[in-house]
Amino acid sequence: MNQEIQYTDWGLIDYKDAWDKQKILFDGLIERKSHFEYTRKEFVPQWFIVCEHPHVYTLGKNGQTNNMLIDNEFMKK
């Protein structure tokens, strides 16, 4: 099967906005694949997304705020 890759450059984008846009694309694929008329031979879009976002700090699944090496005032900003 020959599939094309959809290339898109979102440029500088807020982390949450990029996450939301990716979720919309993903949910669309799941919706399409869940329909009974979908076959493995049907074209399903594939994306290559390039983007950049301002720095974010994440704690991860088991992280705690005391693991952060920055003070509370900085985190509030």
N, C-alpha and C. Protein backbone atom coordinates (compact mmCIF):
# COMPACT_ATOMS: atom_id res chain seq x y z
N MET A 1 0.84 -1.17 0.00
CA MET A 1 0.00 0.00 0.00
C MET A 1 0.89 1.24 0.00
N ASN A 2 0.61 2.16 -0.86
CA ASN A 2 1.37 3.39 -0.98
C ASN A 2 0.62 4.52 -0.27
N GLN A 3 1.21 5.06 0.79
CA GLN A 3 0.56 6.14 1.52
C GLN A 3 1.43 7.38 1.48
N GLU A 4 0.79 8.50 1.34
CA GLU A 4 1.49 9.76 1.41
C GLU A 4 1.51 10.24 2.85
N ILE A 5 2.54 11.00 3.16
CA ILE A 5 2.63 11.61 4.49
C ILE A 5 2.28 13.08 4.35
N GLN A 6 1.35 13.52 5.19
CA GLN A 6 0.95 14.92 5.20
C GLN A 6 1.94 15.67 6.08
N TYR A 7 2.68 16.58 5.51
CA TYR A 7 3.66 17.38 6.25
C TYR A 7 3.03 18.71 6.62
N THR A 8 3.16 19.10 7.87
CA THR A 8 2.65 20.40 8.29
C THR A 8 3.61 21.02 9.30
N ASP A 9 3.80 22.30 9.19
CA ASP A 9 4.67 23.05 10.10
C ASP A 9 3.80 24.06 10.84
N TRP A 10 3.58 23.81 12.12
CA TRP A 10 2.76 24.69 12.93
C TRP A 10 3.57 25.86 13.48
N GLY A 11 4.86 25.87 13.24
CA GLY A 11 5.69 26.97 13.74
C GLY A 11 5.70 27.02 15.26
N LEU A 12 5.83 28.22 15.79
CA LEU A 12 5.81 28.41 17.24
C LEU A 12 4.36 28.37 17.71
N ILE A 13 4.06 27.45 18.60
CA ILE A 13 2.69 27.24 19.06
C ILE A 13 2.71 26.88 20.53
N ASP A 14 1.72 27.34 21.26
CA ASP A 14 1.61 27.01 22.68
C ASP A 14 1.51 25.50 22.84
N TYR A 15 2.13 24.97 23.88
CA TYR A 15 2.16 23.52 24.12
C TYR A 15 0.75 22.93 24.14
N LYS A 16 -0.15 23.54 24.89
CA LYS A 16 -1.52 23.02 25.02
C LYS A 16 -2.26 23.08 23.69
N ASP A 17 -2.04 24.14 22.92
CA ASP A 17 -2.69 24.25 21.61
C ASP A 17 -2.21 23.13 20.68
N ALA A 18 -0.91 22.86 20.70
CA ALA A 18 -0.36 21.78 19.86
C ALA A 18 -0.93 20.43 20.31
N TRP A 19 -1.00 20.22 21.62
CA TRP A 19 -1.55 18.98 22.17
C TRP A 19 -3.00 18.80 21.70
N ASP A 20 -3.79 19.88 21.79
CA ASP A 20 -5.20 19.82 21.39
C ASP A 20 -5.35 19.52 19.90
N LYS A 21 -4.53 20.14 19.08
CA LYS A 21 -4.59 19.91 17.63
C LYS A 21 -4.22 18.46 17.29
N GLN A 22 -3.20 17.94 17.98
CA GLN A 22 -2.81 16.55 17.74
C GLN A 22 -3.92 15.60 18.17
N LYS A 23 -4.57 15.91 19.27
CA LYS A 23 -5.67 15.07 19.76
C LYS A 23 -6.82 15.04 18.75
N ILE A 24 -7.12 16.18 18.14
CA ILE A 24 -8.17 16.23 17.12
C ILE A 24 -7.81 15.31 15.95
N LEU A 25 -6.56 15.38 15.49
CA LEU A 25 -6.12 14.51 14.39
C LEU A 25 -6.22 13.04 14.78
N PHE A 26 -5.75 12.73 15.97
CA PHE A 26 -5.76 11.34 16.47
C PHE A 26 -7.19 10.83 16.60
N ASP A 27 -8.05 11.63 17.22
CA ASP A 27 -9.45 11.21 17.39
C ASP A 27 -10.13 10.99 16.05
N GLY A 28 -9.78 11.81 15.06
CA GLY A 28 -10.33 11.62 13.72
C GLY A 28 -9.92 10.30 13.12
N LEU A 29 -8.67 9.91 13.32
CA LEU A 29 -8.20 8.61 12.81
C LEU A 29 -8.92 7.47 13.51
N ILE A 30 -9.06 7.56 14.81
CA ILE A 30 -9.75 6.51 15.57
C ILE A 30 -11.20 6.40 15.11
N GLU A 31 -11.85 7.54 14.93
CA GLU A 31 -13.24 7.54 14.46
C GLU A 31 -13.36 6.87 13.09
N ARG A 32 -12.45 7.22 12.22
CA ARG A 32 -12.49 6.65 10.87
C ARG A 32 -12.26 5.14 10.90
N LYS A 33 -11.29 4.71 11.70
CA LYS A 33 -10.98 3.28 11.77
C LYS A 33 -12.06 2.48 12.49
N SER A 34 -12.86 3.13 13.32
CA SER A 34 -13.87 2.40 14.08
C SER A 34 -15.12 2.11 13.25
N HIS A 35 -15.28 2.77 12.13
CA HIS A 35 -16.44 2.51 11.28
C HIS A 35 -16.28 1.17 10.57
N PHE A 36 -17.37 0.48 10.46
CA PHE A 36 -17.33 -0.87 9.91
C PHE A 36 -16.88 -0.92 8.45
N GLU A 37 -17.04 0.17 7.69
CA GLU A 37 -16.67 0.14 6.28
C GLU A 37 -15.16 0.32 6.08
N TYR A 38 -14.43 0.64 7.15
CA TYR A 38 -12.98 0.81 7.04
C TYR A 38 -12.32 -0.52 6.71
N THR A 39 -11.44 -0.52 5.74
CA THR A 39 -10.65 -1.70 5.44
C THR A 39 -9.18 -1.31 5.51
N ARG A 40 -8.33 -2.26 5.70
CA ARG A 40 -6.90 -1.99 5.81
C ARG A 40 -6.35 -1.40 4.52
N LYS A 41 -7.04 -1.57 3.41
CA LYS A 41 -6.56 -1.05 2.14
C LYS A 41 -6.96 0.41 1.93
N GLU A 42 -7.87 0.89 2.76
CA GLU A 42 -8.31 2.28 2.63
C GLU A 42 -7.20 3.22 3.06
N PHE A 43 -7.08 4.33 2.36
CA PHE A 43 -6.08 5.33 2.69
C PHE A 43 -6.43 5.99 4.02
N VAL A 44 -5.50 5.99 4.94
CA VAL A 44 -5.66 6.68 6.21
C VAL A 44 -4.53 7.70 6.29
N PRO A 45 -4.86 8.97 6.45
CA PRO A 45 -3.82 10.00 6.46
C PRO A 45 -2.78 9.77 7.56
N GLN A 46 -1.55 10.05 7.21
CA GLN A 46 -0.44 10.01 8.15
C GLN A 46 0.15 11.42 8.21
N TRP A 47 0.49 11.89 9.39
CA TRP A 47 1.02 13.25 9.52
C TRP A 47 2.44 13.25 10.06
N PHE A 48 3.20 14.18 9.55
CA PHE A 48 4.52 14.52 10.09
C PHE A 48 4.39 15.99 10.50
N ILE A 49 4.33 16.22 11.79
CA ILE A 49 4.08 17.56 12.31
C ILE A 49 5.36 18.12 12.91
N VAL A 50 5.69 19.33 12.49
CA VAL A 50 6.84 20.04 13.04
C VAL A 50 6.31 21.25 13.79
N CYS A 51 6.74 21.42 15.02
CA CYS A 51 6.32 22.59 15.78
C CYS A 51 7.33 22.87 16.89
N GLU A 52 7.22 24.04 17.42
CA GLU A 52 8.08 24.46 18.53
C GLU A 52 7.18 25.18 19.52
N HIS A 53 7.45 24.97 20.79
CA HIS A 53 6.67 25.68 21.79
C HIS A 53 7.58 26.24 22.86
N PRO A 54 7.09 27.27 23.56
CA PRO A 54 7.89 27.82 24.66
C PRO A 54 8.19 26.71 25.68
N HIS A 55 9.21 26.92 26.46
CA HIS A 55 9.61 25.93 27.46
C HIS A 55 8.46 25.59 28.40
N VAL A 56 8.35 24.31 28.72
CA VAL A 56 7.37 23.85 29.70
C VAL A 56 8.11 22.99 30.72
N TYR A 57 7.55 22.92 31.90
CA TYR A 57 8.09 22.08 32.95
C TYR A 57 7.04 21.04 33.29
N THR A 58 7.43 19.78 33.24
CA THR A 58 6.49 18.71 33.54
C THR A 58 7.03 17.87 34.70
N LEU A 59 6.11 17.36 35.48
CA LEU A 59 6.49 16.52 36.61
C LEU A 59 6.42 15.04 36.28
N GLY A 60 5.65 14.69 35.30
CA GLY A 60 5.49 13.28 34.97
C GLY A 60 4.49 12.61 35.90
N LYS A 61 4.26 11.36 35.65
CA LYS A 61 3.24 10.60 36.37
C LYS A 61 3.48 10.53 37.88
N ASN A 62 4.71 10.31 38.27
CA ASN A 62 5.02 10.15 39.70
C ASN A 62 5.77 11.35 40.27
N GLY A 63 5.82 12.45 39.54
CA GLY A 63 6.56 13.62 39.99
C GLY A 63 5.87 14.34 41.14
N GLN A 64 6.66 15.07 41.88
CA GLN A 64 6.16 15.89 42.98
C GLN A 64 6.80 17.26 42.85
N THR A 65 6.11 18.28 43.35
CA THR A 65 6.62 19.64 43.21
C THR A 65 7.98 19.81 43.88
N ASN A 66 8.25 19.04 44.92
CA ASN A 66 9.56 19.18 45.57
C ASN A 66 10.70 18.63 44.72
N ASN A 67 10.38 17.97 43.59
CA ASN A 67 11.40 17.51 42.66
C ASN A 67 11.89 18.63 41.74
N MET A 68 11.12 19.72 41.69
CA MET A 68 11.47 20.83 40.81
C MET A 68 12.66 21.60 41.38
N LEU A 69 13.55 22.02 40.52
CA LEU A 69 14.73 22.77 40.94
C LEU A 69 14.53 24.27 40.74
N ILE A 70 13.28 24.70 40.76
CA ILE A 70 12.95 26.12 40.65
C ILE A 70 12.03 26.49 41.81
N ASP A 71 12.00 27.76 42.16
CA ASP A 71 11.19 28.17 43.31
C ASP A 71 9.73 28.40 42.91
N ASN A 72 8.88 28.52 43.92
CA ASN A 72 7.44 28.68 43.69
C ASN A 72 7.10 29.93 42.91
N GLU A 73 7.82 31.01 43.15
CA GLU A 73 7.57 32.26 42.43
C GLU A 73 7.77 32.09 40.93
N PHE A 74 8.84 31.37 40.57
CA PHE A 74 9.10 31.11 39.16
C PHE A 74 8.01 30.24 38.55
N MET A 75 7.55 29.23 39.30
CA MET A 75 6.51 28.34 38.80
C MET A 75 5.20 29.10 38.58
N LYS A 76 4.90 30.08 39.40
CA LYS A 76 3.67 30.86 39.25
C LYS A 76 3.68 31.67 37.97
N LYS A 77 4.86 32.10 37.54
CA LYS A 77 4.97 32.86 36.28
C LYS A 77 4.60 32.00 35.12
